[in-house]
Amino acid sequence: MQTAILNSDSKKDFNLLLELAKKLNIKAKVLTETEIEEIGLTNVIKQGRTGEFVNTKKFLEKLRK
C-alpha cells in the first residue's frame, strides 16, 4: 500500500482529483482540520524523541522567558 497527501488551494482542482481517484478505484479520504493537526503533532513528537531525560526545572524556566 502507498499513500499520498495532496493539498490544493483550488476547490475545483481538488474535486477533480477526488473524482479521478474514484474512477481509478483509489481510496480517497478528505481529512478534517483536527486530523491534519494530529498528524503534524505526531510527526513532531516522533522527531523530538531523543530518549534522554530533561531537567524539568530548567525546561520550565526556558518556557517562562
Protein backbone atom coordinates (compact mmCIF):
# COMPACT_ATOMS: atom_id res chain seq x y z
CA MET A 1 0.00 0.00 0.00
CA GLN A 2 1.17 3.50 -0.80
CA THR A 3 -0.17 6.78 0.49
CA ALA A 4 -0.04 10.32 -0.85
CA ILE A 5 -1.19 13.54 0.76
CA LEU A 6 -2.34 16.20 -1.68
CA ASN A 7 -3.21 19.80 -0.91
CA SER A 8 -4.85 22.29 -3.24
CA ASP A 9 -5.92 25.91 -2.94
CA SER A 10 -8.45 25.30 -5.71
CA LYS A 11 -11.63 23.51 -4.67
CA LYS A 12 -12.36 22.76 -8.33
CA ASP A 13 -8.97 21.05 -8.83
CA PHE A 14 -9.31 19.21 -5.53
CA ASN A 15 -12.70 17.82 -6.51
CA LEU A 16 -11.26 16.80 -9.88
CA LEU A 17 -8.54 14.81 -8.10
CA LEU A 18 -11.13 13.11 -5.89
CA GLU A 19 -13.24 12.24 -8.93
CA LEU A 20 -10.20 10.83 -10.73
CA ALA A 21 -9.27 8.75 -7.70
CA LYS A 22 -12.79 7.33 -7.60
CA LYS A 23 -12.68 6.41 -11.31
CA LEU A 24 -9.31 4.70 -10.81
CA ASN A 25 -10.63 2.76 -7.77
CA ILE A 26 -8.21 4.55 -5.47
CA LYS A 27 -9.44 5.10 -1.93
CA ALA A 28 -9.53 8.77 -1.04
CA LYS A 29 -10.39 10.46 2.25
CA VAL A 30 -10.72 14.15 2.93
CA LEU A 31 -9.05 14.91 6.25
CA THR A 32 -10.56 17.24 8.81
CA GLU A 33 -8.53 20.10 10.23
CA THR A 34 -8.25 18.18 13.51
CA GLU A 35 -6.89 15.08 11.75
CA ILE A 36 -4.30 17.19 9.93
CA GLU A 37 -3.18 18.77 13.21
CA GLU A 38 -2.94 15.34 14.86
CA ILE A 39 -0.75 14.02 12.04
CA GLY A 40 1.53 17.06 12.32
CA LEU A 41 1.75 16.74 16.09
CA THR A 42 2.55 13.03 15.81
CA ASN A 43 5.39 13.76 13.40
CA VAL A 44 6.84 16.48 15.65
CA ILE A 45 6.69 14.17 18.68
CA LYS A 46 8.46 11.39 16.77
CA GLN A 47 11.21 13.78 15.64
CA GLY A 48 11.65 15.24 19.11
CA ARG A 49 12.02 11.92 20.94
CA THR A 50 15.64 11.52 21.93
CA GLY A 51 15.36 9.02 24.76
CA GLU A 52 17.12 11.49 27.07
CA PHE A 53 15.67 12.85 30.28
CA VAL A 54 15.01 16.57 30.53
CA ASN A 55 15.59 18.66 33.63
CA THR A 56 12.02 19.83 34.28
CA LYS A 57 13.02 22.89 36.27
CA LYS A 58 15.37 24.18 33.55
CA PHE A 59 12.80 23.41 30.86
CA LEU A 60 10.07 25.39 32.64
CA GLU A 61 12.45 28.29 33.20
CA LYS A 62 13.17 28.45 29.47
CA LEU A 63 9.45 28.39 28.68
CA ARG A 64 8.80 31.33 31.00
CA LYS A 65 11.42 33.54 29.29
